[in-house]
PDB file of all heavy atoms in Angstrom:
ATOM      1  N   ALA A   1    -205.638  27.588 -35.786  1.00  0.00           N
ATOM      2  CA  ALA A   1    -204.891  28.105 -34.639  1.00  0.00           C
ATOM      3  C   ALA A   1    -205.355  29.509 -34.279  1.00  0.00           C
ATOM      4  O   ALA A   1    -205.537  29.836 -33.101  1.00  0.00           O
ATOM      5  CB  ALA A   1    -203.398  28.093 -34.947  1.00  0.00           C
ATOM      6  N   ASN A   2    -205.558  30.357 -35.285  1.00  0.00           N
ATOM      7  CA  ASN A   2    -206.057  31.704 -35.009  1.00  0.00           C
ATOM      8  C   ASN A   2    -207.393  31.654 -34.286  1.00  0.00           C
ATOM      9  O   ASN A   2    -207.644  32.418 -33.344  1.00  0.00           O
ATOM     10  CB  ASN A   2    -206.221  32.480 -36.314  1.00  0.00           C
ATOM     11  CG  ASN A   2    -204.899  32.825 -36.969  1.00  0.00           C
ATOM     12  OD1 ASN A   2    -203.866  32.887 -36.320  1.00  0.00           O
ATOM     13  ND2 ASN A   2    -204.931  33.055 -38.265  1.00  0.00           N
ATOM     14  N   THR A   3    -208.264  30.753 -34.727  1.00  0.00           N
ATOM     15  CA  THR A   3    -209.597  30.660 -34.121  1.00  0.00           C
ATOM     16  C   THR A   3    -209.526  30.212 -32.674  1.00  0.00           C
ATOM     17  O   THR A   3    -210.163  30.812 -31.792  1.00  0.00           O
ATOM     18  CB  THR A   3    -210.483  29.699 -34.936  1.00  0.00           C
ATOM     19  OG1 THR A   3    -210.679  30.248 -36.250  1.00  0.00           O
ATOM     20  CG2 THR A   3    -211.842  29.509 -34.281  1.00  0.00           C
ATOM     21  N   VAL A   4    -208.737  29.173 -32.379  1.00  0.00           N
ATOM     22  CA  VAL A   4    -208.715  28.686 -30.999  1.00  0.00           C
ATOM     23  C   VAL A   4    -207.960  29.638 -30.082  1.00  0.00           C
ATOM     24  O   VAL A   4    -208.296  29.761 -28.895  1.00  0.00           O
ATOM     25  CB  VAL A   4    -208.164  27.245 -30.896  1.00  0.00           C
ATOM     26  CG1 VAL A   4    -209.054  26.274 -31.664  1.00  0.00           C
ATOM     27  CG2 VAL A   4    -206.730  27.141 -31.355  1.00  0.00           C
ATOM     28  N   VAL A   5    -206.942  30.340 -30.604  1.00  0.00           N
ATOM     29  CA  VAL A   5    -206.259  31.349 -29.784  1.00  0.00           C
ATOM     30  C   VAL A   5    -207.224  32.478 -29.430  1.00  0.00           C
ATOM     31  O   VAL A   5    -207.261  32.956 -28.289  1.00  0.00           O
ATOM     32  CB  VAL A   5    -205.009  31.891 -30.516  1.00  0.00           C
ATOM     33  CG1 VAL A   5    -204.491  33.151 -29.839  1.00  0.00           C
ATOM     34  CG2 VAL A   5    -203.915  30.831 -30.555  1.00  0.00           C
ATOM     35  N   ALA A   6    -208.021  32.905 -30.409  1.00  0.00           N
ATOM     36  CA  ALA A   6    -209.019  33.943 -30.132  1.00  0.00           C
ATOM     37  C   ALA A   6    -210.049  33.460 -29.112  1.00  0.00           C
ATOM     38  O   ALA A   6    -210.424  34.204 -28.191  1.00  0.00           O
ATOM     39  CB  ALA A   6    -209.706  34.369 -31.424  1.00  0.00           C
ATOM     40  N   LEU A   7    -210.493  32.224 -29.242  1.00  0.00           N
ATOM     41  CA  LEU A   7    -211.456  31.675 -28.281  1.00  0.00           C
ATOM     42  C   LEU A   7    -210.854  31.581 -26.887  1.00  0.00           C
ATOM     43  O   LEU A   7    -211.521  31.869 -25.891  1.00  0.00           O
ATOM     44  CB  LEU A   7    -211.932  30.297 -28.741  1.00  0.00           C
ATOM     45  CG  LEU A   7    -213.049  30.318 -29.785  1.00  0.00           C
ATOM     46  CD1 LEU A   7    -213.140  28.991 -30.508  1.00  0.00           C
ATOM     47  CD2 LEU A   7    -214.384  30.655 -29.130  1.00  0.00           C
ATOM     48  N   SER A   8    -209.589  31.194 -26.818  1.00  0.00           N
ATOM     49  CA  SER A   8    -208.922  31.153 -25.524  1.00  0.00           C
ATOM     50  C   SER A   8    -208.871  32.545 -24.905  1.00  0.00           C
ATOM     51  O   SER A   8    -209.087  32.713 -23.701  1.00  0.00           O
ATOM     52  CB  SER A   8    -207.509  30.594 -25.697  1.00  0.00           C
ATOM     53  OG  SER A   8    -206.809  30.627 -24.477  1.00  0.00           O
ATOM     54  N   GLY A   9    -208.609  33.559 -25.750  1.00  0.00           N
ATOM     55  CA  GLY A   9    -208.602  34.929 -25.259  1.00  0.00           C
ATOM     56  C   GLY A   9    -209.958  35.395 -24.758  1.00  0.00           C
ATOM     57  O   GLY A   9    -210.044  36.306 -23.942  1.00  0.00           O
ATOM     58  N   MET A  10    -211.017  34.758 -25.255  1.00  0.00           N
ATOM     59  CA  MET A  10    -212.367  35.070 -24.780  1.00  0.00           C
ATOM     60  C   MET A  10    -212.718  34.294 -23.514  1.00  0.00           C
ATOM     61  O   MET A  10    -213.801  34.479 -22.954  1.00  0.00           O
ATOM     62  CB  MET A  10    -213.389  34.739 -25.866  1.00  0.00           C
ATOM     63  CG  MET A  10    -213.263  35.567 -27.124  1.00  0.00           C
ATOM     64  SD  MET A  10    -214.455  35.001 -28.384  1.00  0.00           S
ATOM     65  CE  MET A  10    -213.777  35.772 -29.856  1.00  0.00           C
ATOM     66  N   GLY A  11    -211.829  33.411 -23.067  1.00  0.00           N
ATOM     67  CA  GLY A  11    -212.060  32.686 -21.822  1.00  0.00           C
ATOM     68  C   GLY A  11    -212.516  31.258 -21.977  1.00  0.00           C
ATOM     69  O   GLY A  11    -212.888  30.617 -20.983  1.00  0.00           O
ATOM     70  N   PHE A  12    -212.454  30.704 -23.197  1.00  0.00           N
ATOM     71  CA  PHE A  12    -212.884  29.326 -23.414  1.00  0.00           C
ATOM     72  C   PHE A  12    -211.693  28.373 -23.367  1.00  0.00           C
ATOM     73  O   PHE A  12    -210.560  28.751 -23.686  1.00  0.00           O
ATOM     74  CB  PHE A  12    -213.605  29.197 -24.763  1.00  0.00           C
ATOM     75  CG  PHE A  12    -214.885  29.974 -24.829  1.00  0.00           C
ATOM     76  CD1 PHE A  12    -214.908  31.253 -25.371  1.00  0.00           C
ATOM     77  CD2 PHE A  12    -216.070  29.453 -24.314  1.00  0.00           C
ATOM     78  CE1 PHE A  12    -216.087  31.988 -25.427  1.00  0.00           C
ATOM     79  CE2 PHE A  12    -217.248  30.177 -24.357  1.00  0.00           C
ATOM     80  CZ  PHE A  12    -217.258  31.447 -24.920  1.00  0.00           C
ATOM     81  N   ARG A  13    -211.936  27.134 -23.006  1.00  0.00           N
ATOM     82  CA  ARG A  13    -210.898  26.109 -22.925  1.00  0.00           C
ATOM     83  C   ARG A  13    -210.686  25.504 -24.314  1.00  0.00           C
ATOM     84  O   ARG A  13    -211.620  24.939 -24.893  1.00  0.00           O
ATOM     85  CB  ARG A  13    -211.284  25.021 -21.924  1.00  0.00           C
ATOM     86  CG  ARG A  13    -211.447  25.547 -20.490  1.00  0.00           C
ATOM     87  CD  ARG A  13    -211.763  24.424 -19.513  1.00  0.00           C
ATOM     88  NE  ARG A  13    -212.979  23.710 -19.882  1.00  0.00           N
ATOM     89  CZ  ARG A  13    -214.212  24.119 -19.616  1.00  0.00           C
ATOM     90  NH1 ARG A  13    -214.406  25.269 -18.966  1.00  0.00           N
ATOM     91  NH2 ARG A  13    -215.250  23.406 -19.980  1.00  0.00           N
ATOM     92  N   ALA A  14    -209.471  25.607 -24.816  1.00  0.00           N
ATOM     93  CA  ALA A  14    -209.194  25.187 -26.185  1.00  0.00           C
ATOM     94  C   ALA A  14    -207.934  24.336 -26.252  1.00  0.00           C
ATOM     95  O   ALA A  14    -207.036  24.444 -25.415  1.00  0.00           O
ATOM     96  CB  ALA A  14    -209.046  26.412 -27.093  1.00  0.00           C
ATOM     97  N   GLY A  15    -207.893  23.472 -27.267  1.00  0.00           N
ATOM     98  CA  GLY A  15    -206.721  22.643 -27.515  1.00  0.00           C
ATOM     99  C   GLY A  15    -206.452  22.547 -29.002  1.00  0.00           C
ATOM    100  O   GLY A  15    -207.169  23.140 -29.824  1.00  0.00           O
ATOM    101  N   TYR A  16    -205.440  21.754 -29.364  1.00  0.00           N
ATOM    102  CA  TYR A  16    -205.048  21.702 -30.771  1.00  0.00           C
ATOM    103  C   TYR A  16    -204.471  20.350 -31.151  1.00  0.00           C
ATOM    104  O   TYR A  16    -203.799  19.700 -30.356  1.00  0.00           O
ATOM    105  CB  TYR A  16    -204.002  22.784 -31.082  1.00  0.00           C
ATOM    106  CG  TYR A  16    -204.065  23.236 -32.521  1.00  0.00           C
ATOM    107  CD1 TYR A  16    -204.968  24.222 -32.905  1.00  0.00           C
ATOM    108  CD2 TYR A  16    -203.278  22.649 -33.496  1.00  0.00           C
ATOM    109  CE1 TYR A  16    -205.072  24.610 -34.224  1.00  0.00           C
ATOM    110  CE2 TYR A  16    -203.361  23.034 -34.819  1.00  0.00           C
ATOM    111  CZ  TYR A  16    -204.265  24.014 -35.188  1.00  0.00           C
ATOM    112  OH  TYR A  16    -204.376  24.391 -36.492  1.00  0.00           O
ATOM    113  N   VAL A  17    -204.748  19.983 -32.417  1.00  0.00           N
ATOM    114  CA  VAL A  17    -204.148  18.815 -33.047  1.00  0.00           C
ATOM    115  C   VAL A  17    -203.389  19.313 -34.267  1.00  0.00           C
ATOM    116  O   VAL A  17    -203.988  19.932 -35.158  1.00  0.00           O
ATOM    117  CB  VAL A  17    -205.221  17.799 -33.476  1.00  0.00           C
ATOM    118  CG1 VAL A  17    -204.585  16.654 -34.254  1.00  0.00           C
ATOM    119  CG2 VAL A  17    -205.980  17.269 -32.267  1.00  0.00           C
ATOM    120  N   GLY A  18    -202.087  19.087 -34.323  1.00  0.00           N
ATOM    121  CA  GLY A  18    -201.317  19.580 -35.455  1.00  0.00           C
ATOM    122  C   GLY A  18    -199.862  19.196 -35.341  1.00  0.00           C
ATOM    123  O   GLY A  18    -199.475  18.375 -34.501  1.00  0.00           O
ATOM    124  N   LYS A  19    -199.014  19.811 -36.174  1.00  0.00           N
ATOM    125  CA  LYS A  19    -197.605  19.431 -36.247  1.00  0.00           C
ATOM    126  C   LYS A  19    -196.754  20.659 -36.563  1.00  0.00           C
ATOM    127  O   LYS A  19    -197.117  21.467 -37.425  1.00  0.00           O
ATOM    128  CB  LYS A  19    -197.418  18.366 -37.330  1.00  0.00           C
ATOM    129  CG  LYS A  19    -196.217  17.464 -37.136  1.00  0.00           C
ATOM    130  CD  LYS A  19    -196.335  16.241 -38.041  1.00  0.00           C
ATOM    131  CE  LYS A  19    -195.280  15.206 -37.704  1.00  0.00           C
ATOM    132  NZ  LYS A  19    -195.421  13.982 -38.544  1.00  0.00           N
ATOM    133  N   ILE A  20    -195.639  20.779 -35.843  1.00  0.00           N
ATOM    134  CA  ILE A  20    -194.683  21.856 -36.086  1.00  0.00           C
ATOM    135  C   ILE A  20    -193.286  21.265 -36.228  1.00  0.00           C
ATOM    136  O   ILE A  20    -193.065  20.082 -35.940  1.00  0.00           O
ATOM    137  CB  ILE A  20    -194.697  22.909 -34.956  1.00  0.00           C
ATOM    138  CG1 ILE A  20    -194.382  22.251 -33.607  1.00  0.00           C
ATOM    139  CG2 ILE A  20    -196.017  23.644 -34.925  1.00  0.00           C
ATOM    140  CD1 ILE A  20    -194.294  23.219 -32.447  1.00  0.00           C
ATOM    141  N   GLY A  21    -192.348  22.070 -36.651  1.00  0.00           N
ATOM    142  CA  GLY A  21    -190.991  21.598 -36.828  1.00  0.00           C
ATOM    143  C   GLY A  21    -190.165  21.695 -35.564  1.00  0.00           C
ATOM    144  O   GLY A  21    -190.491  22.425 -34.630  1.00  0.00           O
ATOM    145  N   SER A  22    -189.054  20.958 -35.555  1.00  0.00           N
ATOM    146  CA  SER A  22    -188.088  21.055 -34.461  1.00  0.00           C
ATOM    147  C   SER A  22    -187.039  22.096 -34.840  1.00  0.00           C
ATOM    148  O   SER A  22    -185.846  21.806 -34.960  1.00  0.00           O
ATOM    149  CB  SER A  22    -187.444  19.686 -34.216  1.00  0.00           C
ATOM    150  OG  SER A  22    -188.416  18.727 -33.860  1.00  0.00           O
ATOM    151  N   ASP A  23    -187.504  23.308 -35.048  1.00  0.00           N
ATOM    152  CA  ASP A  23    -186.646  24.397 -35.503  1.00  0.00           C
ATOM    153  C   ASP A  23    -187.049  25.667 -34.770  1.00  0.00           C
ATOM    154  O   ASP A  23    -187.968  25.662 -33.947  1.00  0.00           O
ATOM    155  CB  ASP A  23    -186.733  24.572 -37.028  1.00  0.00           C
ATOM    156  CG  ASP A  23    -188.166  24.658 -37.553  1.00  0.00           C
ATOM    157  OD1 ASP A  23    -189.082  24.937 -36.740  1.00  0.00           O
ATOM    158  OD2 ASP A  23    -188.382  24.447 -38.756  1.00  0.00           O
ATOM    159  N   SER A  24    -186.361  26.763 -35.050  1.00  0.00           N
ATOM    160  CA  SER A  24    -186.671  28.018 -34.356  1.00  0.00           C
ATOM    161  C   SER A  24    -188.077  28.503 -34.693  1.00  0.00           C
ATOM    162  O   SER A  24    -188.765  29.086 -33.843  1.00  0.00           O
ATOM    163  CB  SER A  24    -185.629  29.088 -34.703  1.00  0.00           C
ATOM    164  OG  SER A  24    -185.609  29.337 -36.105  1.00  0.00           O
ATOM    165  N   GLU A  25    -188.495  28.276 -35.939  1.00  0.00           N
ATOM    166  CA  GLU A  25    -189.869  28.641 -36.324  1.00  0.00           C
ATOM    167  C   GLU A  25    -190.879  27.856 -35.507  1.00  0.00           C
ATOM    168  O   GLU A  25    -191.911  28.385 -35.068  1.00  0.00           O
ATOM    169  CB  GLU A  25    -190.074  28.412 -37.813  1.00  0.00           C
ATOM    170  CG  GLU A  25    -189.296  29.344 -38.722  1.00  0.00           C
ATOM    171  CD  GLU A  25    -187.878  28.895 -38.991  1.00  0.00           C
ATOM    172  OE1 GLU A  25    -187.466  27.845 -38.447  1.00  0.00           O
ATOM    173  OE2 GLU A  25    -187.170  29.583 -39.751  1.00  0.00           O
ATOM    174  N   GLY A  26    -190.587  26.570 -35.298  1.00  0.00           N
ATOM    175  CA  GLY A  26    -191.476  25.743 -34.491  1.00  0.00           C
ATOM    176  C   GLY A  26    -191.566  26.223 -33.057  1.00  0.00           C
ATOM    177  O   GLY A  26    -192.639  26.200 -32.448  1.00  0.00           O
ATOM    178  N   GLU A  27    -190.419  26.665 -32.498  1.00  0.00           N
ATOM    179  CA  GLU A  27    -190.434  27.197 -31.136  1.00  0.00           C
ATOM    180  C   GLU A  27    -191.284  28.455 -31.052  1.00  0.00           C
ATOM    181  O   GLU A  27    -192.017  28.667 -30.078  1.00  0.00           O
ATOM    182  CB  GLU A  27    -189.009  27.493 -30.669  1.00  0.00           C
ATOM    183  CG  GLU A  27    -188.240  26.257 -30.245  1.00  0.00           C
ATOM    184  CD  GLU A  27    -188.963  25.473 -29.164  1.00  0.00           C
ATOM    185  OE1 GLU A  27    -189.334  26.082 -28.141  1.00  0.00           O
ATOM    186  OE2 GLU A  27    -189.174  24.263 -29.352  1.00  0.00           O
ATOM    187  N   PHE A  28    -191.213  29.290 -32.075  1.00  0.00           N
ATOM    188  CA  PHE A  28    -192.020  30.516 -32.097  1.00  0.00           C
ATOM    189  C   PHE A  28    -193.506  30.151 -32.144  1.00  0.00           C
ATOM    190  O   PHE A  28    -194.320  30.723 -31.396  1.00  0.00           O
ATOM    191  CB  PHE A  28    -191.647  31.367 -33.310  1.00  0.00           C
ATOM    192  CG  PHE A  28    -192.298  32.723 -33.327  1.00  0.00           C
ATOM    193  CD1 PHE A  28    -191.623  33.834 -32.849  1.00  0.00           C
ATOM    194  CD2 PHE A  28    -193.590  32.880 -33.805  1.00  0.00           C
ATOM    195  CE1 PHE A  28    -192.230  35.085 -32.848  1.00  0.00           C
ATOM    196  CE2 PHE A  28    -194.204  34.123 -33.812  1.00  0.00           C
ATOM    197  CZ  PHE A  28    -193.527  35.236 -33.324  1.00  0.00           C
ATOM    198  N   ILE A  29    -193.866  29.209 -33.013  1.00  0.00           N
ATOM    199  CA  ILE A  29    -195.267  28.780 -33.113  1.00  0.00           C
ATOM    200  C   ILE A  29    -195.729  28.188 -31.784  1.00  0.00           C
ATOM    201  O   ILE A  29    -196.833  28.487 -31.307  1.00  0.00           O
ATOM    202  CB  ILE A  29    -195.432  27.766 -34.258  1.00  0.00           C
ATOM    203  CG1 ILE A  29    -195.080  28.394 -35.608  1.00  0.00           C
ATOM    204  CG2 ILE A  29    -196.872  27.232 -34.301  1.00  0.00           C
ATOM    205  CD1 ILE A  29    -194.921  27.394 -36.736  1.00  0.00           C
ATOM    206  N   TRP A  30    -194.898  27.342 -31.180  1.00  0.00           N
ATOM    207  CA  TRP A  30    -195.227  26.699 -29.909  1.00  0.00           C
ATOM    208  C   TRP A  30    -195.543  27.748 -28.833  1.00  0.00           C
ATOM    209  O   TRP A  30    -196.552  27.659 -28.133  1.00  0.00           O
ATOM    210  CB  TRP A  30    -194.068  25.812 -29.484  1.00  0.00           C
ATOM    211  CG  TRP A  30    -194.224  25.134 -28.159  1.00  0.00           C
ATOM    212  CD1 TRP A  30    -193.715  25.545 -26.968  1.00  0.00           C
ATOM    213  CD2 TRP A  30    -194.936  23.915 -27.885  1.00  0.00           C
ATOM    214  NE1 TRP A  30    -194.051  24.671 -25.960  1.00  0.00           N
ATOM    215  CE2 TRP A  30    -194.791  23.662 -26.495  1.00  0.00           C
ATOM    216  CE3 TRP A  30    -195.654  23.028 -28.669  1.00  0.00           C
ATOM    217  CZ2 TRP A  30    -195.359  22.543 -25.889  1.00  0.00           C
ATOM    218  CZ3 TRP A  30    -196.208  21.912 -28.065  1.00  0.00           C
ATOM    219  CH2 TRP A  30    -196.075  21.672 -26.695  1.00  0.00           C
ATOM    220  N   LYS A  31    -194.697  28.739 -28.725  1.00  0.00           N
ATOM    221  CA  LYS A  31    -194.910  29.774 -27.706  1.00  0.00           C
ATOM    222  C   LYS A  31    -196.159  30.605 -27.996  1.00  0.00           C
ATOM    223  O   LYS A  31    -196.812  31.088 -27.070  1.00  0.00           O
ATOM    224  CB  LYS A  31    -193.679  30.674 -27.616  1.00  0.00           C
ATOM    225  CG  LYS A  31    -192.464  29.970 -27.039  1.00  0.00           C
ATOM    226  CD  LYS A  31    -191.236  30.862 -27.055  1.00  0.00           C
ATOM    227  CE  LYS A  31    -190.010  30.134 -26.515  1.00  0.00           C
ATOM    228  NZ  LYS A  31    -188.780  30.967 -26.576  1.00  0.00           N
TER     229      LYS A  31
END
């Protein structure tokens, strides 16, 4: 996630495959 967020900040098109919780922590990660 850190890598693709950094790449997105550099202007590249990025996506993700993964899993988060249905909790407040998950909402923070999602945002």
